[in-house]
């Protein structure tokens, strides 16, 4: 992921957007598509009465994939959005970041 091609814009006080390079966006979408497929797979396992332990292993795999995606997004957020907003003098972003981290740690 190249951070020089990513920027976060405060469009208004309500709406903020991140802008990813096409390569980064494709990578994120690929990961999300795999996760979506895993979730559909678990649904199918339950429909086929698959042994519970096997389903639980798949759920653990999905959780791990989601955590990896979250880490990737948090990395981007820290290296682009947070830095940009602090440089603009918006120090409230630190409290926002802490709230996000606490939610990720639940």
PDB file of N, CA and C in Angstrom:
ATOM      1  N   UNK A   1       0.849  -1.165   0.000  1.00  0.00           N
ATOM      2  CA  UNK A   1       0.000   0.000   0.000  1.00  0.00           C
ATOM      3  C   UNK A   1       0.895   1.228   0.000  1.00  0.00           C
ATOM      4  N   UNK A   2       0.649   2.164  -0.892  1.00  0.00           N
ATOM      5  CA  UNK A   2       1.441   3.378  -0.931  1.00  0.00           C
ATOM      6  C   UNK A   2       0.639   4.507  -0.327  1.00  0.00           C
ATOM      7  N   UNK A   3       1.220   5.146   0.671  1.00  0.00           N
ATOM      8  CA  UNK A   3       0.478   6.147   1.416  1.00  0.00           C
ATOM      9  C   UNK A   3       0.538   7.511   0.765  1.00  0.00           C
ATOM     10  N   UNK A   4       1.478   7.710  -0.183  1.00  0.00           N
ATOM     11  CA  UNK A   4       1.513   8.991  -0.852  1.00  0.00           C
ATOM     12  C   UNK A   4       0.345   9.151  -1.816  1.00  0.00           C
ATOM     13  N   UNK A   5      -0.327   8.070  -2.155  1.00  0.00           N
ATOM     14  CA  UNK A   5      -1.474   8.147  -3.055  1.00  0.00           C
ATOM     15  C   UNK A   5      -2.793   8.089  -2.299  1.00  0.00           C
ATOM     16  N   UNK A   6      -2.718   8.086  -0.981  1.00  0.00           N
ATOM     17  CA  UNK A   6      -3.920   8.006  -0.161  1.00  0.00           C
ATOM     18  C   UNK A   6      -4.061   9.317   0.599  1.00  0.00           C
ATOM     19  N   UNK A   7      -5.240   9.867   0.596  1.00  0.00           N
ATOM     20  CA  UNK A   7      -5.466  11.051   1.406  1.00  0.00           C
ATOM     21  C   UNK A   7      -6.873  10.995   1.974  1.00  0.00           C
ATOM     22  N   UNK A   8      -7.053  11.682   3.068  1.00  0.00           N
ATOM     23  CA  UNK A   8      -8.360  11.741   3.718  1.00  0.00           C
ATOM     24  C   UNK A   8      -8.826  13.182   3.654  1.00  0.00           C
ATOM     25  N   UNK A   9     -10.041  13.362   3.247  1.00  0.00           N
ATOM     26  CA  UNK A   9     -10.570  14.709   3.092  1.00  0.00           C
ATOM     27  C   UNK A   9     -11.755  14.909   4.008  1.00  0.00           C
ATOM     28  N   UNK A  10     -11.736  16.012   4.713  1.00  0.00           N
ATOM     29  CA  UNK A  10     -12.863  16.397   5.546  1.00  0.00           C
ATOM     30  C   UNK A  10     -13.798  17.211   4.658  1.00  0.00           C
ATOM     31  N   UNK A  11     -14.734  16.522   4.011  1.00  0.00           N
ATOM     32  CA  UNK A  11     -15.634  17.151   3.060  1.00  0.00           C
ATOM     33  C   UNK A  11     -16.524  18.168   3.767  1.00  0.00           C
ATOM     34  N   UNK A  12     -16.983  17.830   4.915  1.00  0.00           N
ATOM     35  CA  UNK A  12     -17.777  18.730   5.751  1.00  0.00           C
ATOM     36  C   UNK A  12     -17.588  18.271   7.182  1.00  0.00           C
ATOM     37  N   UNK A  13     -18.239  18.904   8.102  1.00  0.00           N
ATOM     38  CA  UNK A  13     -18.138  18.465   9.491  1.00  0.00           C
ATOM     39  C   UNK A  13     -18.813  17.119   9.706  1.00  0.00           C
ATOM     40  N   UNK A  14     -19.678  16.703   8.786  1.00  0.00           N
ATOM     41  CA  UNK A  14     -20.430  15.465   8.936  1.00  0.00           C
ATOM     42  C   UNK A  14     -19.796  14.327   8.147  1.00  0.00           C
ATOM     43  N   UNK A  15     -19.363  14.598   6.927  1.00  0.00           N
ATOM     44  CA  UNK A  15     -18.897  13.538   6.030  1.00  0.00           C
ATOM     45  C   UNK A  15     -17.396  13.658   5.787  1.00  0.00           C
ATOM     46  N   UNK A  16     -16.676  12.572   6.062  1.00  0.00           N
ATOM     47  CA  UNK A  16     -15.247  12.498   5.764  1.00  0.00           C
ATOM     48  C   UNK A  16     -15.049  11.301   4.857  1.00  0.00           C
ATOM     49  N   UNK A  17     -14.094  11.401   3.960  1.00  0.00           N
ATOM     50  CA  UNK A  17     -13.835  10.306   3.044  1.00  0.00           C
ATOM     51  C   UNK A  17     -12.352  10.002   3.008  1.00  0.00           C
ATOM     52  N   UNK A  18     -12.041   8.729   2.795  1.00  0.00           N
ATOM     53  CA  UNK A  18     -10.671   8.292   2.531  1.00  0.00           C
ATOM     54  C   UNK A  18     -10.563   8.011   1.052  1.00  0.00           C
ATOM     55  N   UNK A  19      -9.406   8.256   0.526  1.00  0.00           N
ATOM     56  CA  UNK A  19      -9.168   7.969  -0.882  1.00  0.00           C
ATOM     57  C   UNK A  19      -7.994   7.020  -0.977  1.00  0.00           C
ATOM     58  N   UNK A  20      -8.247   5.855  -1.543  1.00  0.00           N
ATOM     59  CA  UNK A  20      -7.243   4.818  -1.676  1.00  0.00           C
ATOM     60  C   UNK A  20      -6.741   4.786  -3.109  1.00  0.00           C
ATOM     61  N   UNK A  21      -5.498   4.362  -3.288  1.00  0.00           N
ATOM     62  CA  UNK A  21      -5.025   4.105  -4.639  1.00  0.00           C
ATOM     63  C   UNK A  21      -5.845   2.955  -5.202  1.00  0.00           C
ATOM     64  N   UNK A  22      -5.901   2.837  -6.503  1.00  0.00           N
ATOM     65  CA  UNK A  22      -6.664   1.752  -7.115  1.00  0.00           C
ATOM     66  C   UNK A  22      -6.138   0.394  -6.666  1.00  0.00           C
ATOM     67  N   UNK A  23      -4.816   0.264  -6.562  1.00  0.00           N
ATOM     68  CA  UNK A  23      -4.218  -0.997  -6.131  1.00  0.00           C
ATOM     69  C   UNK A  23      -4.661  -1.342  -4.711  1.00  0.00           C
ATOM     70  N   UNK A  24      -4.642  -0.368  -3.822  1.00  0.00           N
ATOM     71  CA  UNK A  24      -5.057  -0.593  -2.433  1.00  0.00           C
ATOM     72  C   UNK A  24      -6.531  -0.954  -2.351  1.00  0.00           C
ATOM     73  N   UNK A  25      -7.348  -0.242  -3.117  1.00  0.00           N
ATOM     74  CA  UNK A  25      -8.787  -0.511  -3.103  1.00  0.00           C
ATOM     75  C   UNK A  25      -9.069  -1.923  -3.621  1.00  0.00           C
ATOM     76  N   UNK A  26      -8.391  -2.320  -4.694  1.00  0.00           N
ATOM     77  CA  UNK A  26      -8.583  -3.664  -5.234  1.00  0.00           C
ATOM     78  C   UNK A  26      -8.170  -4.722  -4.211  1.00  0.00           C
ATOM     79  N   UNK A  27      -7.074  -4.472  -3.486  1.00  0.00           N
ATOM     80  CA  UNK A  27      -6.623  -5.408  -2.461  1.00  0.00           C
ATOM     81  C   UNK A  27      -7.668  -5.543  -1.361  1.00  0.00           C
ATOM     82  N   UNK A  28      -8.204  -4.424  -0.906  1.00  0.00           N
ATOM     83  CA  UNK A  28      -9.234  -4.450   0.140  1.00  0.00           C
ATOM     84  C   UNK A  28     -10.482  -5.177  -0.351  1.00  0.00           C
ATOM     85  N   UNK A  29     -10.897  -4.896  -1.568  1.00  0.00           N
ATOM     86  CA  UNK A  29     -12.091  -5.538  -2.114  1.00  0.00           C
ATOM     87  C   UNK A  29     -11.875  -7.040  -2.279  1.00  0.00           C
ATOM     88  N   UNK A  30     -10.672  -7.445  -2.681  1.00  0.00           N
ATOM     89  CA  UNK A  30     -10.369  -8.866  -2.820  1.00  0.00           C
ATOM     90  C   UNK A  30     -10.479  -9.565  -1.462  1.00  0.00           C
ATOM     91  N   UNK A  31      -9.927  -8.939  -0.437  1.00  0.00           N
ATOM     92  CA  UNK A  31     -10.007  -9.518   0.909  1.00  0.00           C
ATOM     93  C   UNK A  31     -11.460  -9.623   1.369  1.00  0.00           C
ATOM     94  N   UNK A  32     -12.235  -8.573   1.116  1.00  0.00           N
ATOM     95  CA  UNK A  32     -13.644  -8.590   1.511  1.00  0.00           C
ATOM     96  C   UNK A  32     -14.426  -9.656   0.753  1.00  0.00           C
ATOM     97  N   UNK A  33     -14.119  -9.837  -0.513  1.00  0.00           N
ATOM     98  CA  UNK A  33     -14.799 -10.884  -1.290  1.00  0.00           C
ATOM     99  C   UNK A  33     -14.487 -12.269  -0.737  1.00  0.00           C
ATOM    100  N   UNK A  34     -13.228 -12.492  -0.324  1.00  0.00           N
ATOM    101  CA  UNK A  34     -12.871 -13.783   0.274  1.00  0.00           C
ATOM    102  C   UNK A  34     -13.619 -13.993   1.585  1.00  0.00           C
ATOM    103  N   UNK A  35     -13.693 -12.956   2.396  1.00  0.00           N
ATOM    104  CA  UNK A  35     -14.408 -13.053   3.673  1.00  0.00           C
ATOM    105  C   UNK A  35     -15.889 -13.341   3.419  1.00  0.00           C
ATOM    106  N   UNK A  36     -16.464 -12.651   2.457  1.00  0.00           N
ATOM    107  CA  UNK A  36     -17.864 -12.877   2.107  1.00  0.00           C
ATOM    108  C   UNK A  36     -18.086 -14.330   1.683  1.00  0.00           C
ATOM    109  N   UNK A  37     -17.156 -14.869   0.911  1.00  0.00           N
ATOM    110  CA  UNK A  37     -17.251 -16.271   0.502  1.00  0.00           C
ATOM    111  C   UNK A  37     -17.150 -17.213   1.688  1.00  0.00           C
ATOM    112  N   UNK A  38     -16.280 -16.882   2.644  1.00  0.00           N
ATOM    113  CA  UNK A  38     -16.158 -17.710   3.846  1.00  0.00           C
ATOM    114  C   UNK A  38     -17.468 -17.708   4.637  1.00  0.00           C
ATOM    115  N   UNK A  39     -18.106 -16.555   4.745  1.00  0.00           N
ATOM    116  CA  UNK A  39     -19.371 -16.461   5.485  1.00  0.00           C
ATOM    117  C   UNK A  39     -20.444 -17.289   4.782  1.00  0.00           C
ATOM    118  N   UNK A  40     -20.495 -17.191   3.459  1.00  0.00           N
ATOM    119  CA  UNK A  40     -21.457 -18.024   2.715  1.00  0.00           C
ATOM    120  C   UNK A  40     -21.148 -19.504   2.919  1.00  0.00           C
ATOM    121  N   UNK A  41     -19.866 -19.839   3.000  1.00  0.00           N
ATOM    122  CA  UNK A  41     -19.477 -21.225   3.242  1.00  0.00           C
ATOM    123  C   UNK A  41     -19.966 -21.726   4.588  1.00  0.00           C
ATOM    124  N   UNK A  42     -19.876 -20.895   5.612  1.00  0.00           N
ATOM    125  CA  UNK A  42     -20.363 -21.280   6.941  1.00  0.00           C
ATOM    126  C   UNK A  42     -21.869 -21.476   6.907  1.00  0.00           C
ATOM    127  N   UNK A  43     -22.552 -20.600   6.198  1.00  0.00           N
ATOM    128  CA  UNK A  43     -24.000 -20.756   6.069  1.00  0.00           C
ATOM    129  C   UNK A  43     -24.326 -22.113   5.438  1.00  0.00           C
ATOM    130  N   UNK A  44     -23.597 -22.463   4.397  1.00  0.00           N
ATOM    131  CA  UNK A  44     -23.805 -23.756   3.759  1.00  0.00           C
ATOM    132  C   UNK A  44     -23.483 -24.917   4.683  1.00  0.00           C
ATOM    133  N   UNK A  45     -22.441 -24.762   5.495  1.00  0.00           N
ATOM    134  CA  UNK A  45     -22.078 -25.815   6.442  1.00  0.00           C
ATOM    135  C   UNK A  45     -23.218 -26.049   7.430  1.00  0.00           C
ATOM    136  N   UNK A  46     -23.821 -24.980   7.890  1.00  0.00           N
ATOM    137  CA  UNK A  46     -24.919 -25.112   8.846  1.00  0.00           C
ATOM    138  C   UNK A  46     -26.130 -25.748   8.164  1.00  0.00           C
ATOM    139  N   UNK A  47     -26.396 -25.342   6.930  1.00  0.00           N
ATOM    140  CA  UNK A  47     -27.517 -25.940   6.185  1.00  0.00           C
ATOM    141  C   UNK A  47     -27.311 -27.439   5.978  1.00  0.00           C
ATOM    142  N   UNK A  48     -26.044 -27.877   5.861  1.00  0.00           N
ATOM    143  CA  UNK A  48     -25.734 -29.290   5.639  1.00  0.00           C
ATOM    144  C   UNK A  48     -25.496 -30.047   6.949  1.00  0.00           C
ATOM    145  N   UNK A  49     -25.783 -29.395   8.087  1.00  0.00           N
ATOM    146  CA  UNK A  49     -25.601 -30.012   9.399  1.00  0.00           C
ATOM    147  C   UNK A  49     -24.157 -30.471   9.631  1.00  0.00           C
ATOM    148  N   UNK A  50     -23.206 -29.656   9.211  1.00  0.00           N
ATOM    149  CA  UNK A  50     -21.788 -29.967   9.398  1.00  0.00           C
ATOM    150  C   UNK A  50     -21.468 -29.972  10.892  1.00  0.00           C
ATOM    151  N   UNK A  51     -20.560 -30.830  11.277  1.00  0.00           N
ATOM    152  CA  UNK A  51     -20.127 -30.968  12.665  1.00  0.00           C
ATOM    153  C   UNK A  51     -19.740 -29.596  13.237  1.00  0.00           C
ATOM    154  N   UNK A  52     -20.252 -29.307  14.424  1.00  0.00           N
ATOM    155  CA  UNK A  52     -20.096 -27.987  15.048  1.00  0.00           C
ATOM    156  C   UNK A  52     -18.639 -27.532  15.130  1.00  0.00           C
ATOM    157  N   UNK A  53     -17.736 -28.425  15.488  1.00  0.00           N
ATOM    158  CA  UNK A  53     -16.335 -28.055  15.640  1.00  0.00           C
ATOM    159  C   UNK A  53     -15.766 -27.537  14.318  1.00  0.00           C
ATOM    160  N   UNK A  54     -16.168 -28.160  13.219  1.00  0.00           N
ATOM    161  CA  UNK A  54     -15.705 -27.723  11.900  1.00  0.00           C
ATOM    162  C   UNK A  54     -16.234 -26.323  11.568  1.00  0.00           C
ATOM    163  N   UNK A  55     -17.473 -26.062  11.923  1.00  0.00           N
ATOM    164  CA  UNK A  55     -18.068 -24.743  11.697  1.00  0.00           C
ATOM    165  C   UNK A  55     -17.346 -23.704  12.555  1.00  0.00           C
ATOM    166  N   UNK A  56     -17.077 -24.051  13.806  1.00  0.00           N
ATOM    167  CA  UNK A  56     -16.388 -23.118  14.696  1.00  0.00           C
ATOM    168  C   UNK A  56     -14.992 -22.773  14.187  1.00  0.00           C
ATOM    169  N   UNK A  57     -14.309 -23.749  13.591  1.00  0.00           N
ATOM    170  CA  UNK A  57     -12.987 -23.482  13.009  1.00  0.00           C
ATOM    171  C   UNK A  57     -13.100 -22.490  11.852  1.00  0.00           C
ATOM    172  N   UNK A  58     -14.143 -22.643  11.054  1.00  0.00           N
ATOM    173  CA  UNK A  58     -14.353 -21.705   9.944  1.00  0.00           C
ATOM    174  C   UNK A  58     -14.683 -20.307  10.469  1.00  0.00           C
ATOM    175  N   UNK A  59     -15.459 -20.233  11.528  1.00  0.00           N
ATOM    176  CA  UNK A  59     -15.787 -18.937  12.127  1.00  0.00           C
ATOM    177  C   UNK A  59     -14.517 -18.269  12.655  1.00  0.00           C
ATOM    178  N   UNK A  60     -13.646 -19.058  13.282  1.00  0.00           N
ATOM    179  CA  UNK A  60     -12.375 -18.508  13.763  1.00  0.00           C
ATOM    180  C   UNK A  60     -11.545 -17.975  12.603  1.00  0.00           C
ATOM    181  N   UNK A  61     -11.585 -18.666  11.483  1.00  0.00           N
ATOM    182  CA  UNK A  61     -10.864 -18.223  10.295  1.00  0.00           C
ATOM    183  C   UNK A  61     -11.426 -16.905   9.772  1.00  0.00           C
ATOM    184  N   UNK A  62     -12.733 -16.762   9.793  1.00  0.00           N
ATOM    185  CA  UNK A  62     -13.374 -15.516   9.358  1.00  0.00           C
ATOM    186  C   UNK A  62     -12.994 -14.373  10.290  1.00  0.00           C
ATOM    187  N   UNK A  63     -13.027 -14.646  11.596  1.00  0.00           N
ATOM    188  CA  UNK A  63     -12.655 -13.609  12.558  1.00  0.00           C
ATOM    189  C   UNK A  63     -11.215 -13.159  12.348  1.00  0.00           C
ATOM    190  N   UNK A  64     -10.337 -14.103  12.066  1.00  0.00           N
ATOM    191  CA  UNK A  64      -8.943 -13.774  11.799  1.00  0.00           C
ATOM    192  C   UNK A  64      -8.808 -12.923  10.539  1.00  0.00           C
ATOM    193  N   UNK A  65      -9.564 -13.280   9.506  1.00  0.00           N
ATOM    194  CA  UNK A  65      -9.526 -12.511   8.260  1.00  0.00           C
ATOM    195  C   UNK A  65     -10.055 -11.090   8.478  1.00  0.00           C
ATOM    196  N   UNK A  66     -11.123 -10.962   9.261  1.00  0.00           N
ATOM    197  CA  UNK A  66     -11.652  -9.634   9.571  1.00  0.00           C
ATOM    198  C   UNK A  66     -10.659  -8.818  10.394  1.00  0.00           C
ATOM    199  N   UNK A  67     -10.000  -9.464  11.346  1.00  0.00           N
ATOM    200  CA  UNK A  67      -8.982  -8.766  12.134  1.00  0.00           C
ATOM    201  C   UNK A  67      -7.844  -8.273  11.245  1.00  0.00           C
ATOM    202  N   UNK A  68      -7.431  -9.102  10.286  1.00  0.00           N
ATOM    203  CA  UNK A  68      -6.378  -8.695   9.359  1.00  0.00           C
ATOM    204  C   UNK A  68      -6.799  -7.502   8.520  1.00  0.00           C
ATOM    205  N   UNK A  69      -8.033  -7.514   8.060  1.00  0.00           N
ATOM    206  CA  UNK A  69      -8.565  -6.388   7.296  1.00  0.00           C
ATOM    207  C   UNK A  69      -8.609  -5.137   8.169  1.00  0.00           C
ATOM    208  N   UNK A  70      -9.062  -5.296   9.410  1.00  0.00           N
ATOM    209  CA  UNK A  70      -9.110  -4.170  10.338  1.00  0.00           C
ATOM    210  C   UNK A  70      -7.729  -3.589  10.598  1.00  0.00           C
ATOM    211  N   UNK A  71      -6.726  -4.446  10.742  1.00  0.00           N
ATOM    212  CA  UNK A  71      -5.348  -3.971  10.949  1.00  0.00           C
ATOM    213  C   UNK A  71      -4.859  -3.190   9.744  1.00  0.00           C
ATOM    214  N   UNK A  72      -5.174  -3.684   8.553  1.00  0.00           N
ATOM    215  CA  UNK A  72      -4.765  -3.000   7.336  1.00  0.00           C
ATOM    216  C   UNK A  72      -5.407  -1.611   7.253  1.00  0.00           C
ATOM    217  N   UNK A  73      -6.693  -1.544   7.552  1.00  0.00           N
ATOM    218  CA  UNK A  73      -7.389  -0.261   7.519  1.00  0.00           C
ATOM    219  C   UNK A  73      -6.905   0.678   8.616  1.00  0.00           C
ATOM    220  N   UNK A  74      -6.632   0.144   9.801  1.00  0.00           N
ATOM    221  CA  UNK A  74      -6.117   0.965  10.890  1.00  0.00           C
ATOM    222  C   UNK A  74      -4.745   1.525  10.529  1.00  0.00           C
ATOM    223  N   UNK A  75      -3.910   0.717   9.907  1.00  0.00           N
ATOM    224  CA  UNK A  75      -2.589   1.161   9.453  1.00  0.00           C
ATOM    225  C   UNK A  75      -2.736   2.335   8.494  1.00  0.00           C
ATOM    226  N   UNK A  76      -3.628   2.181   7.518  1.00  0.00           N
ATOM    227  CA  UNK A  76      -3.889   3.269   6.560  1.00  0.00           C
ATOM    228  C   UNK A  76      -4.388   4.513   7.284  1.00  0.00           C
ATOM    229  N   UNK A  77      -5.325   4.324   8.185  1.00  0.00           N
ATOM    230  CA  UNK A  77      -5.941   5.437   8.900  1.00  0.00           C
ATOM    231  C   UNK A  77      -4.902   6.217   9.702  1.00  0.00           C
ATOM    232  N   UNK A  78      -4.034   5.493  10.399  1.00  0.00           N
ATOM    233  CA  UNK A  78      -2.995   6.151  11.196  1.00  0.00           C
ATOM    234  C   UNK A  78      -2.006   6.912  10.324  1.00  0.00           C
ATOM    235  N   UNK A  79      -1.575   6.289   9.241  1.00  0.00           N
ATOM    236  CA  UNK A  79      -0.524   6.873   8.407  1.00  0.00           C
ATOM    237  C   UNK A  79      -1.020   7.947   7.455  1.00  0.00           C
ATOM    238  N   UNK A  80      -2.324   8.080   7.335  1.00  0.00           N
ATOM    239  CA  UNK A  80      -2.828   9.103   6.425  1.00  0.00           C
ATOM    240  C   UNK A  80      -3.811  10.033   7.134  1.00  0.00           C
ATOM    241  N   UNK A  81      -4.984   9.547   7.435  1.00  0.00           N
ATOM    242  CA  UNK A  81      -6.049  10.382   7.986  1.00  0.00           C
ATOM    243  C   UNK A  81      -5.647  11.055   9.303  1.00  0.00           C
ATOM    244  N   UNK A  82      -5.134  10.265  10.233  1.00  0.00           N
ATOM    245  CA  UNK A  82      -4.809  10.807  11.560  1.00  0.00           C
ATOM    246  C   UNK A  82      -3.705  11.844  11.447  1.00  0.00           C
ATOM    247  N   UNK A  83      -2.641  11.502  10.738  1.00  0.00           N
ATOM    248  CA  UNK A  83      -1.529  12.444  10.581  1.00  0.00           C
ATOM    249  C   UNK A  83      -2.009  13.731   9.912  1.00  0.00           C
ATOM    250  N   UNK A  84      -2.791  13.579   8.859  1.00  0.00           N
ATOM    251  CA  UNK A  84      -3.297  14.749   8.134  1.00  0.00           C
ATOM    252  C   UNK A  84      -4.126  15.650   9.041  1.00  0.00           C
ATOM    253  N   UNK A  85      -5.007  15.064   9.812  1.00  0.00           N
ATOM    254  CA  UNK A  85      -5.880  15.874  10.674  1.00  0.00           C
ATOM    255  C   UNK A  85      -5.102  16.527  11.811  1.00  0.00           C
ATOM    256  N   UNK A  86      -4.108  15.849  12.358  1.00  0.00           N
ATOM    257  CA  UNK A  86      -3.272  16.466  13.398  1.00  0.00           C
ATOM    258  C   UNK A  86      -2.490  17.636  12.810  1.00  0.00           C
ATOM    259  N   UNK A  87      -1.938  17.440  11.600  1.00  0.00           N
ATOM    260  CA  UNK A  87      -1.208  18.526  10.938  1.00  0.00           C
ATOM    261  C   UNK A  87      -2.105  19.724  10.674  1.00  0.00           C
ATOM    262  N   UNK A  88      -3.412  19.473  10.479  1.00  0.00           N
ATOM    263  CA  UNK A  88      -4.376  20.554  10.280  1.00  0.00           C
ATOM    264  C   UNK A  88      -4.787  21.195  11.603  1.00  0.00           C
ATOM    265  N   UNK A  89      -4.288  20.663  12.724  1.00  0.00           N
ATOM    266  CA  UNK A  89      -4.598  21.218  14.036  1.00  0.00           C
ATOM    267  C   UNK A  89      -5.788  20.578  14.720  1.00  0.00           C
ATOM    268  N   UNK A  90      -6.332  19.526  14.141  1.00  0.00           N
ATOM    269  CA  UNK A  90      -7.491  18.840  14.720  1.00  0.00           C
ATOM    270  C   UNK A  90      -7.005  17.753  15.675  1.00  0.00           C
ATOM    271  N   UNK A  91      -6.837  18.115  16.932  1.00  0.00           N
ATOM    272  CA  UNK A  91      -6.344  17.156  17.922  1.00  0.00           C
ATOM    273  C   UNK A  91      -7.466  16.310  18.525  1.00  0.00           C
ATOM    274  N   UNK A  92      -8.717  16.625  18.216  1.00  0.00           N
ATOM    275  CA  UNK A  92      -9.840  15.799  18.649  1.00  0.00           C
ATOM    276  C   UNK A  92      -9.806  14.428  17.987  1.00  0.00           C
ATOM    277  N   UNK A  93      -9.068  14.320  16.898  1.00  0.00           N
ATOM    278  CA  UNK A  93      -8.967  13.062  16.172  1.00  0.00           C
ATOM    279  C   UNK A  93      -8.344  11.967  17.045  1.00  0.00           C
ATOM    280  N   UNK A  94      -7.558  12.346  18.033  1.00  0.00           N
ATOM    281  CA  UNK A  94      -6.943  11.361  18.923  1.00  0.00           C
ATOM    282  C   UNK A  94      -8.023  10.651  19.737  1.00  0.00           C
ATOM    283  N   UNK A  95      -8.983  11.398  20.249  1.00  0.00           N
ATOM    284  CA  UNK A  95     -10.094  10.776  20.987  1.00  0.00           C
ATOM    285  C   UNK A  95     -10.914   9.873  20.074  1.00  0.00           C
ATOM    286  N   UNK A  96     -11.142  10.319  18.835  1.00  0.00           N
ATOM    287  CA  UNK A  96     -11.861   9.503  17.857  1.00  0.00           C
ATOM    288  C   UNK A  96     -11.105   8.205  17.609  1.00  0.00           C
ATOM    289  N   UNK A  97      -9.792   8.293  17.457  1.00  0.00           N
ATOM    290  CA  UNK A  97      -8.967   7.114  17.221  1.00  0.00           C
ATOM    291  C   UNK A  97      -9.022   6.155  18.405  1.00  0.00           C
ATOM    292  N   UNK A  98      -8.943   6.684  19.616  1.00  0.00           N
ATOM    293  CA  UNK A  98      -9.012   5.829  20.797  1.00  0.00           C
ATOM    294  C   UNK A  98     -10.344   5.101  20.876  1.00  0.00           C
ATOM    295  N   UNK A  99     -11.434   5.782  20.571  1.00  0.00           N
ATOM    296  CA  UNK A  99     -12.754   5.145  20.554  1.00  0.00           C
ATOM    297  C   UNK A  99     -12.770   3.996  19.550  1.00  0.00           C
ATOM    298  N   UNK A 100     -12.200   4.240  18.375  1.00  0.00           N
ATOM    299  CA  UNK A 100     -12.143   3.202  17.343  1.00  0.00           C
ATOM    300  C   UNK A 100     -11.311   2.011  17.809  1.00  0.00           C
ATOM    301  N   UNK A 101     -10.168   2.280  18.396  1.00  0.00           N
ATOM    302  CA  UNK A 101      -9.307   1.192  18.884  1.00  0.00           C
ATOM    303  C   UNK A 101     -10.013   0.383  19.960  1.00  0.00           C
ATOM    304  N   UNK A 102     -10.700   1.069  20.875  1.00  0.00           N
ATOM    305  CA  UNK A 102     -11.435   0.346  21.922  1.00  0.00           C
ATOM    306  C   UNK A 102     -12.513  -0.554  21.320  1.00  0.00           C
ATOM    307  N   UNK A 103     -13.193  -0.082  20.278  1.00  0.00           N
ATOM    308  CA  UNK A 103     -14.209  -0.903  19.620  1.00  0.00           C
ATOM    309  C   UNK A 103     -13.565  -2.110  18.947  1.00  0.00           C
ATOM    310  N   UNK A 104     -12.413  -1.920  18.348  1.00  0.00           N
ATOM    311  CA  UNK A 104     -11.723  -3.045  17.693  1.00  0.00           C
ATOM    312  C   UNK A 104     -11.248  -4.089  18.688  1.00  0.00           C
ATOM    313  N   UNK A 105     -10.993  -3.663  19.927  1.00  0.00           N
ATOM    314  CA  UNK A 105     -10.461  -4.569  20.933  1.00  0.00           C
ATOM    315  C   UNK A 105     -11.541  -5.332  21.675  1.00  0.00           C
ATOM    316  N   UNK A 106     -12.804  -5.069  21.428  1.00  0.00           N
ATOM    317  CA  UNK A 106     -13.899  -5.767  22.130  1.00  0.00           C
ATOM    318  C   UNK A 106     -13.899  -7.224  21.789  1.00  0.00           C
TER     319      UNK A 106
END
